[in-house]
Amino acid sequence: MIKHFIKIFFASILLFTVILSVTALAYIFLIDKDIVIGKINPTGDEKSELAFYESSTFDYGTSLGKAASNVKRFNILLAGLEGKRTDTLMVISYDMDNKKAALISLPRDTYMPRNPDDEGELKKINAVYGREGIESLTLRVQDLLGIPVERYVVVDYQGVIACVDMIGGVEVNVPFHMEYTDIYDDPPLYIDIPAGVQLLDGEEALKFLRYRKGYDNQDLGRIEAQQQFIKAAVKKALGFQLPSVIKEASSYIETNISMSDILNLAGDLVGFSADNIETYILPGMETPLEGLSFYIPDKEGIRNLAYSLYGLNTINND
């Protein structure tokens, strides 16, 4: 199998498994008793009593917290792994009443030190998972964004290839001729995707998602390609047999979303449209620091984004 194809693989899977396909997954659970979810991590009694959109560790005493407690909006962290690092991170925020989704991409170089004495690479958000685990990473993303985030999904990259192939490929507009060779990859990597509208199969889709060298802003350009791919995958999947797709992808998933929550959410996702997806990149700026390139979060910009998700005006709610 091709290794290190984790660059933005889970972006499509998250839509197959969390937003678009909860209804399909519920159907499979009820009809097909042979379905196997890769790993559902149990939650404690306190967490299980919470509404799906609530977090047991979030401060609901603030202006945003009070708004969040009155809005049916759930936020899920989705992580794509490359070894012990999260090469791709995204928070999916879904308004259950208005059936609208926001996808917030977190650059892998986001500055998130645990200790001031850590080596430079360990101060990046992509190092948190390997050192602290998924639950700690979820908590730190919650603190970073200032919105309740307790649920997570961790995805194995092999599921993307299978799902893209199952729906007959995903059509994307390749912005330029993507050419890249890495003879040291195992096996050697060769990317050669012509510019223009292309129907990409699973392997080619991951090459498209992995590619970043040709963008002026490299990783941010890759994120924009990720978001383009998501919307295209959603439109394609909506017209497909989602139960089959979910069954194919389910064994590659680790999550703390319970099956009962999945069943309860099924009704909230009926009628969701790909046109109701808004995409964001964590507000911030690429900055050289300690001899490395970091993405420094913009606290005010993040606050404005969080407030907008919950319909608050930052001027009146400071």
Protein backbone atom coordinates (compact mmCIF):
# COMPACT_ATOMS: atom_id res chain seq x y z
CA MET A 1 0.00 0.00 0.00
CA ILE A 2 1.05 3.59 -0.59
CA LYS A 3 2.39 5.06 2.63
CA HIS A 4 2.14 8.60 3.92
CA PHE A 5 -0.96 9.37 1.82
CA ILE A 6 -2.55 11.02 4.81
CA LYS A 7 -2.35 14.58 3.65
CA ILE A 8 -6.07 15.32 3.54
CA PHE A 9 -7.57 11.89 3.16
CA PHE A 10 -10.06 12.04 5.97
CA ALA A 11 -11.76 15.08 4.47
CA SER A 12 -13.93 12.92 2.25
CA ILE A 13 -14.33 10.18 4.85
CA LEU A 14 -15.67 12.62 7.40
CA LEU A 15 -18.52 13.48 5.11
CA PHE A 16 -19.19 9.84 4.35
CA THR A 17 -19.12 8.93 8.01
CA VAL A 18 -20.17 11.89 10.09
CA ILE A 19 -22.39 14.35 8.22
CA LEU A 20 -23.90 12.96 5.07
CA SER A 21 -24.00 9.36 6.10
CA VAL A 22 -25.26 9.21 9.64
CA THR A 23 -28.67 8.33 8.25
CA ALA A 24 -27.14 5.61 6.12
CA LEU A 25 -25.12 4.31 9.02
CA ALA A 26 -28.21 4.11 11.16
CA TYR A 27 -29.88 2.14 8.40
CA ILE A 28 -26.99 -0.29 8.22
CA PHE A 29 -26.96 -0.72 11.99
CA LEU A 30 -30.62 -1.63 11.98
CA ILE A 31 -30.68 -3.74 8.82
CA ASP A 32 -27.19 -5.16 8.40
CA LYS A 33 -26.08 -6.85 11.60
CA ASP A 34 -22.63 -7.65 10.19
CA ILE A 35 -21.41 -4.05 10.14
CA VAL A 36 -18.25 -3.46 12.16
CA ILE A 37 -17.11 -0.03 13.30
CA GLY A 38 -13.34 -0.01 13.67
CA LYS A 39 -13.32 1.25 17.25
CA ILE A 40 -15.88 3.10 19.33
CA ASN A 41 -14.27 4.35 22.52
CA PRO A 42 -16.69 4.25 25.46
CA THR A 43 -17.54 7.48 27.26
CA GLY A 44 -18.13 7.89 30.97
CA ASP A 45 -21.53 8.19 32.63
CA GLU A 46 -21.23 11.99 32.90
CA LYS A 47 -20.45 12.39 29.21
CA SER A 48 -23.17 10.00 28.12
CA GLU A 49 -25.78 12.20 29.85
CA LEU A 50 -24.79 15.24 27.82
CA ALA A 51 -26.59 16.28 24.67
CA PHE A 52 -24.59 15.34 21.62
CA TYR A 53 -23.63 18.95 20.95
CA GLU A 54 -22.38 19.59 24.52
CA SER A 55 -18.94 19.12 26.07
CA SER A 56 -18.24 18.10 29.66
CA THR A 57 -15.10 20.27 29.74
CA PHE A 58 -16.38 23.48 28.11
CA ASP A 59 -17.12 26.65 30.09
CA TYR A 60 -20.76 27.46 29.47
CA GLY A 61 -20.66 30.51 31.75
CA THR A 62 -19.28 32.84 29.07
CA SER A 63 -21.31 34.74 26.47
CA LEU A 64 -20.43 32.16 23.84
CA GLY A 65 -21.00 29.32 26.28
CA LYS A 66 -24.51 30.54 27.04
CA ALA A 67 -25.25 30.79 23.33
CA ALA A 68 -23.79 27.32 22.72
CA SER A 69 -25.99 25.79 25.40
CA ASN A 70 -29.08 27.02 23.55
CA VAL A 71 -28.07 26.06 20.01
CA LYS A 72 -28.14 22.57 18.55
CA ARG A 73 -24.73 22.70 16.88
CA PHE A 74 -22.28 19.85 17.26
CA ASN A 75 -18.55 20.09 16.66
CA ILE A 76 -16.41 17.07 15.86
CA LEU A 77 -12.64 16.88 15.55
CA LEU A 78 -11.47 14.78 12.61
CA ALA A 79 -7.87 13.62 12.58
CA GLY A 80 -5.88 11.95 9.83
CA LEU A 81 -2.73 10.19 10.99
CA GLU A 82 0.73 9.91 9.53
CA GLY A 83 2.50 7.61 11.97
CA LYS A 84 2.21 9.23 15.39
CA ARG A 85 1.46 12.67 13.99
CA THR A 86 -1.79 14.18 12.79
CA ASP A 87 -1.00 15.33 9.30
CA THR A 88 -4.52 16.65 8.77
CA LEU A 89 -6.91 18.18 11.30
CA MET A 90 -10.36 19.57 10.76
CA VAL A 91 -13.32 20.51 12.92
CA ILE A 92 -16.70 19.91 11.41
CA SER A 93 -19.40 22.10 12.91
CA TYR A 94 -23.00 21.21 12.07
CA ASP A 95 -26.08 23.31 12.76
CA MET A 96 -28.70 20.64 13.44
CA ASP A 97 -31.69 22.98 13.14
CA ASN A 98 -30.72 24.77 9.92
CA LYS A 99 -28.83 21.83 8.38
CA LYS A 100 -25.70 23.84 7.64
CA ALA A 101 -22.11 22.72 8.06
CA ALA A 102 -18.85 24.59 8.59
CA LEU A 103 -15.52 22.88 7.95
CA ILE A 104 -12.63 24.50 9.83
CA SER A 105 -9.19 23.33 8.71
CA LEU A 106 -6.30 23.56 11.18
CA PRO A 107 -2.87 23.81 9.48
CA ARG A 108 -0.50 21.10 10.69
CA ASP A 109 2.15 23.72 11.58
CA THR A 110 -0.20 25.55 13.97
CA TYR A 111 1.80 26.77 16.97
CA MET A 112 0.67 24.82 20.05
CA PRO A 113 3.54 24.29 22.53
CA ARG A 114 3.08 22.19 25.63
CA ASN A 115 6.35 23.21 27.31
CA PRO A 116 8.54 26.21 26.44
CA ASP A 117 11.59 23.92 26.42
CA ASP A 118 10.19 21.59 23.76
CA GLU A 119 12.10 21.27 20.52
CA GLY A 120 10.63 23.28 17.68
CA GLU A 121 8.84 20.45 15.86
CA LEU A 122 7.14 19.42 19.10
CA LYS A 123 5.53 22.84 19.37
CA LYS A 124 3.35 22.15 16.34
CA ILE A 125 -0.22 20.91 16.65
CA ASN A 126 0.60 17.80 14.61
CA ALA A 127 2.83 16.55 17.45
CA VAL A 128 0.14 16.66 20.15
CA TYR A 129 -1.56 13.37 19.26
CA GLY A 130 1.64 11.29 19.48
CA ARG A 131 2.58 12.71 22.88
CA GLU A 132 -0.79 13.15 24.56
CA GLY A 133 -3.40 11.10 22.70
CA ILE A 134 -6.61 11.95 20.89
CA GLU A 135 -8.62 13.04 23.94
CA SER A 136 -5.98 15.58 24.96
CA LEU A 137 -5.73 16.82 21.38
CA THR A 138 -9.52 17.24 21.27
CA LEU A 139 -9.43 19.27 24.49
CA ARG A 140 -6.64 21.49 23.20
CA VAL A 141 -8.50 22.14 19.95
CA GLN A 142 -11.54 23.07 22.03
CA ASP A 143 -9.42 25.60 23.93
CA LEU A 144 -7.91 26.92 20.70
CA LEU A 145 -11.23 27.50 18.93
CA GLY A 146 -13.24 28.45 22.00
CA ILE A 147 -16.18 26.21 21.04
CA PRO A 148 -17.36 22.96 22.64
CA VAL A 149 -15.52 20.01 21.08
CA GLU A 150 -15.69 16.62 22.77
CA ARG A 151 -16.36 14.14 19.95
CA TYR A 152 -13.68 12.98 17.59
CA VAL A 153 -13.13 10.70 14.63
CA VAL A 154 -9.71 9.27 13.72
CA VAL A 155 -9.52 7.78 10.25
CA ASP A 156 -7.27 5.21 8.61
CA TYR A 157 -6.17 6.39 5.15
CA GLN A 158 -7.03 3.12 3.41
CA GLY A 159 -10.72 3.92 3.77
CA VAL A 160 -10.43 6.88 1.42
CA ILE A 161 -9.12 4.83 -1.47
CA ALA A 162 -11.89 2.29 -1.00
CA CYS A 163 -14.68 4.87 -0.73
CA VAL A 164 -13.55 7.02 -3.66
CA ASP A 165 -13.36 3.93 -5.84
CA MET A 166 -16.73 2.73 -4.61
CA ILE A 167 -18.51 5.90 -5.75
CA GLY A 168 -16.78 5.77 -9.12
CA GLY A 169 -14.20 8.47 -8.42
CA VAL A 170 -14.46 12.18 -7.59
CA GLU A 171 -14.40 14.94 -10.20
CA VAL A 172 -12.22 17.95 -9.38
CA ASN A 173 -10.81 20.91 -11.25
CA VAL A 174 -7.04 20.53 -11.02
CA PRO A 175 -5.68 24.11 -10.97
CA PHE A 176 -2.40 23.31 -12.76
CA HIS A 177 -0.35 20.36 -13.98
CA MET A 178 0.68 18.55 -10.80
CA GLU A 179 4.07 16.90 -11.17
CA TYR A 180 6.13 15.53 -8.31
CA THR A 181 8.54 12.64 -7.75
CA ASP A 182 9.88 11.24 -4.51
CA ILE A 183 12.12 8.24 -5.17
CA TYR A 184 12.74 7.85 -1.44
CA ASP A 185 9.12 7.20 -0.60
CA ASP A 186 8.17 3.54 -0.10
CA PRO A 187 7.10 2.75 -2.74
CA PRO A 188 8.48 5.67 -4.83
CA LEU A 189 5.88 8.36 -5.38
CA TYR A 190 5.04 9.69 -8.82
CA ILE A 191 2.42 12.40 -9.24
CA ASP A 192 1.42 13.41 -12.75
CA ILE A 193 -2.09 14.88 -12.89
CA PRO A 194 -2.96 17.16 -15.85
CA ALA A 195 -4.62 20.52 -15.28
CA GLY A 196 -8.35 20.86 -15.80
CA VAL A 197 -11.41 18.86 -14.82
CA GLN A 198 -10.39 15.30 -13.95
CA LEU A 199 -12.25 12.27 -12.62
CA LEU A 200 -9.87 10.88 -9.99
CA ASP A 201 -9.99 7.33 -8.67
CA GLY A 202 -8.92 6.48 -5.12
CA GLU A 203 -5.17 6.38 -5.76
CA GLU A 204 -5.15 9.49 -7.92
CA ALA A 205 -7.39 11.34 -5.46
CA LEU A 206 -4.86 10.80 -2.69
CA LYS A 207 -2.08 12.03 -4.95
CA PHE A 208 -4.13 15.15 -5.66
CA LEU A 209 -4.76 15.60 -1.94
CA ARG A 210 -1.14 15.04 -1.03
CA TYR A 211 0.34 17.46 -3.53
CA ARG A 212 1.37 20.87 -2.13
CA LYS A 213 4.72 21.91 -3.62
CA GLY A 214 3.25 23.79 -6.57
CA TYR A 215 0.99 26.09 -4.56
CA ASP A 216 2.29 29.56 -3.78
CA ASN A 217 1.31 29.09 -0.16
CA GLN A 218 1.92 25.31 -0.09
CA ASP A 219 0.05 23.96 2.96
CA LEU A 220 -2.72 26.55 2.80
CA GLY A 221 -3.09 25.85 -0.90
CA ARG A 222 -3.37 22.18 -0.09
CA ILE A 223 -6.13 22.96 2.42
CA GLU A 224 -8.08 24.83 -0.23
CA ALA A 225 -7.72 21.80 -2.52
CA GLN A 226 -8.96 19.66 0.37
CA GLN A 227 -12.06 21.76 0.73
CA GLN A 228 -12.72 21.65 -3.02
CA PHE A 229 -12.44 17.88 -2.89
CA ILE A 230 -14.86 17.66 0.03
CA LYS A 231 -17.61 19.52 -1.78
CA ALA A 232 -17.12 17.46 -4.91
CA ALA A 233 -17.16 14.22 -2.90
CA VAL A 234 -20.34 15.28 -1.07
CA LYS A 235 -22.21 15.97 -4.30
CA LYS A 236 -21.11 12.64 -5.73
CA ALA A 237 -21.91 10.68 -2.57
CA LEU A 238 -25.38 12.19 -2.19
CA GLY A 239 -26.41 10.51 -5.40
CA PHE A 240 -24.87 7.18 -4.46
CA GLN A 241 -25.79 4.27 -2.23
CA LEU A 242 -24.41 5.64 1.02
CA PRO A 243 -25.05 2.52 3.10
CA SER A 244 -22.57 0.60 0.94
CA VAL A 245 -20.02 3.40 1.21
CA ILE A 246 -20.31 3.57 4.97
CA LYS A 247 -20.03 -0.14 5.39
CA GLU A 248 -16.81 -0.05 3.36
CA ALA A 249 -15.34 2.84 5.36
CA SER A 250 -16.47 1.92 8.87
CA SER A 251 -13.63 -0.44 9.79
CA TYR A 252 -11.08 2.35 9.30
CA ILE A 253 -12.59 4.62 11.96
CA GLU A 254 -11.87 5.22 15.65
CA THR A 255 -14.40 7.42 17.42
CA ASN A 256 -16.04 8.23 20.74
CA ILE A 257 -19.39 8.86 19.05
CA SER A 258 -21.70 6.18 20.38
CA MET A 259 -24.00 4.14 18.21
CA SER A 260 -26.99 5.53 20.09
CA ASP A 261 -25.87 9.07 19.18
CA ILE A 262 -25.53 8.01 15.56
CA LEU A 263 -29.07 6.68 15.55
CA ASN A 264 -30.46 9.78 17.27
CA LEU A 265 -28.73 12.07 14.78
CA ALA A 266 -30.14 10.34 11.73
CA GLY A 267 -33.22 12.56 11.58
CA ASP A 268 -31.22 15.77 11.96
CA LEU A 269 -29.18 15.00 8.85
CA VAL A 270 -32.06 14.22 6.51
CA GLY A 271 -32.26 16.98 3.91
CA PHE A 272 -28.66 18.12 4.24
CA SER A 273 -27.26 19.59 1.01
CA ALA A 274 -23.70 20.04 -0.20
CA ASP A 275 -24.64 23.64 -0.96
CA ASN A 276 -24.88 24.24 2.79
CA ILE A 277 -21.17 23.69 3.46
CA GLU A 278 -19.01 26.67 4.39
CA THR A 279 -15.23 26.24 4.53
CA TYR A 280 -12.76 28.06 6.75
CA ILE A 281 -9.08 27.99 7.60
CA LEU A 282 -8.05 28.68 11.19
CA PRO A 283 -7.38 32.45 11.30
CA GLY A 284 -3.66 33.05 11.60
CA MET A 285 -0.45 33.72 9.75
CA GLU A 286 2.57 31.72 8.63
CA THR A 287 5.58 32.99 10.58
CA PRO A 288 9.22 31.84 10.81
CA LEU A 289 10.13 31.03 14.40
CA GLU A 290 13.05 29.14 15.94
CA GLY A 291 14.33 28.32 12.48
CA LEU A 292 11.05 26.66 11.46
CA SER A 293 7.84 27.70 9.77
CA PHE A 294 4.91 27.99 12.17
CA TYR A 295 1.30 29.00 11.69
CA ILE A 296 0.54 31.47 14.49
CA PRO A 297 -3.16 31.54 15.46
CA ASP A 298 -4.93 34.91 15.39
CA LYS A 299 -6.87 34.98 18.67
CA GLU A 300 -9.18 37.79 17.65
CA GLY A 301 -9.91 36.21 14.29
CA ILE A 302 -10.64 32.86 15.95
CA ARG A 303 -12.97 34.52 18.43
CA ASN A 304 -14.83 36.25 15.61
CA LEU A 305 -15.20 32.93 13.80
CA ALA A 306 -16.47 31.18 16.93
CA TYR A 307 -18.96 33.95 17.63
CA SER A 308 -20.23 33.90 14.05
CA LEU A 309 -20.94 30.17 14.29
CA TYR A 310 -23.24 30.81 17.23
CA GLY A 311 -24.83 34.00 15.87
CA LEU A 312 -23.13 36.38 18.28
CA ASN A 313 -21.86 39.89 17.66
CA THR A 314 -18.32 40.31 19.02
CA ILE A 315 -18.87 44.01 19.76
CA ASN A 316 -21.84 43.37 22.05
CA ASN A 317 -20.52 40.21 23.65
CA ASP A 318 -16.94 41.03 24.70
